């Protein structure tokens, strides 16, 4: 059987924004960090980098704290959201450390200044890092309360000129209904932004969806349970659901 040499393998995208949910990094434990999961995710990222893909990453913090949801009305919303931003930084540092262990150059940039552990987010500097082959991990969401990390992912994707947003979650695509509730729910191969909004299929929150639609950035949603899906996505394979 004819096999292509690595130099002949061409990814579909040159620059992507990968959004990883915090819960996915916790693995079966649901909270905290599962380092076996993190390593497998980082090895998939390394494969993409070796293919010449420029990768920005936004990571959630739900494995530690989910802002207003965990605040439960007992905490002022802005402070609860700031705690969520701090949670994302712990995940950013864990990812960065593992990437460095497997010889992937990486920089962490945060929307809130934490100079002792990360660079402040500067778009032009992030762009330069990406051009030189470094992975850039964006922490602290947008740096503003009331905005989710999904919105941060779309915002950073627009700012760095990403061709696609890879949305790696605990679900393998967009369904016509909640598959945990409706056994007749069917997974969709693709869906337009208009249809997703009309049917109230909450792949991302409304702000993130509107921002992605306004900037014409497609979203590929797939399960992170198999980290190789990241590589398949950058190669243009049809996995999960394409939104856009």
Foldseek 3Di string as FASTA:
>chain_A
DDDDDLLPQAFPWQEEEEEEEQQQQCPPVSADGDLVLLLLLLVLVVSCLSSNHQYEYEYWQRNYADQPVRCVVVDDRFVSLQVRLVSSVVVVVSNCVSNVVVPAAEFEEECDDPPVHHHHDDLVVSLVCSVVSYYYYYTSQNVGTPDGNLLSSLVSCLSNVTQAYEYAYQAAAFWLDPCVVDVPIDHDLEDELVVCVVSVRPPDDPNSSVSCVVSVHKYAYGYCVNSNVVVCVRRPHRTYYIYD
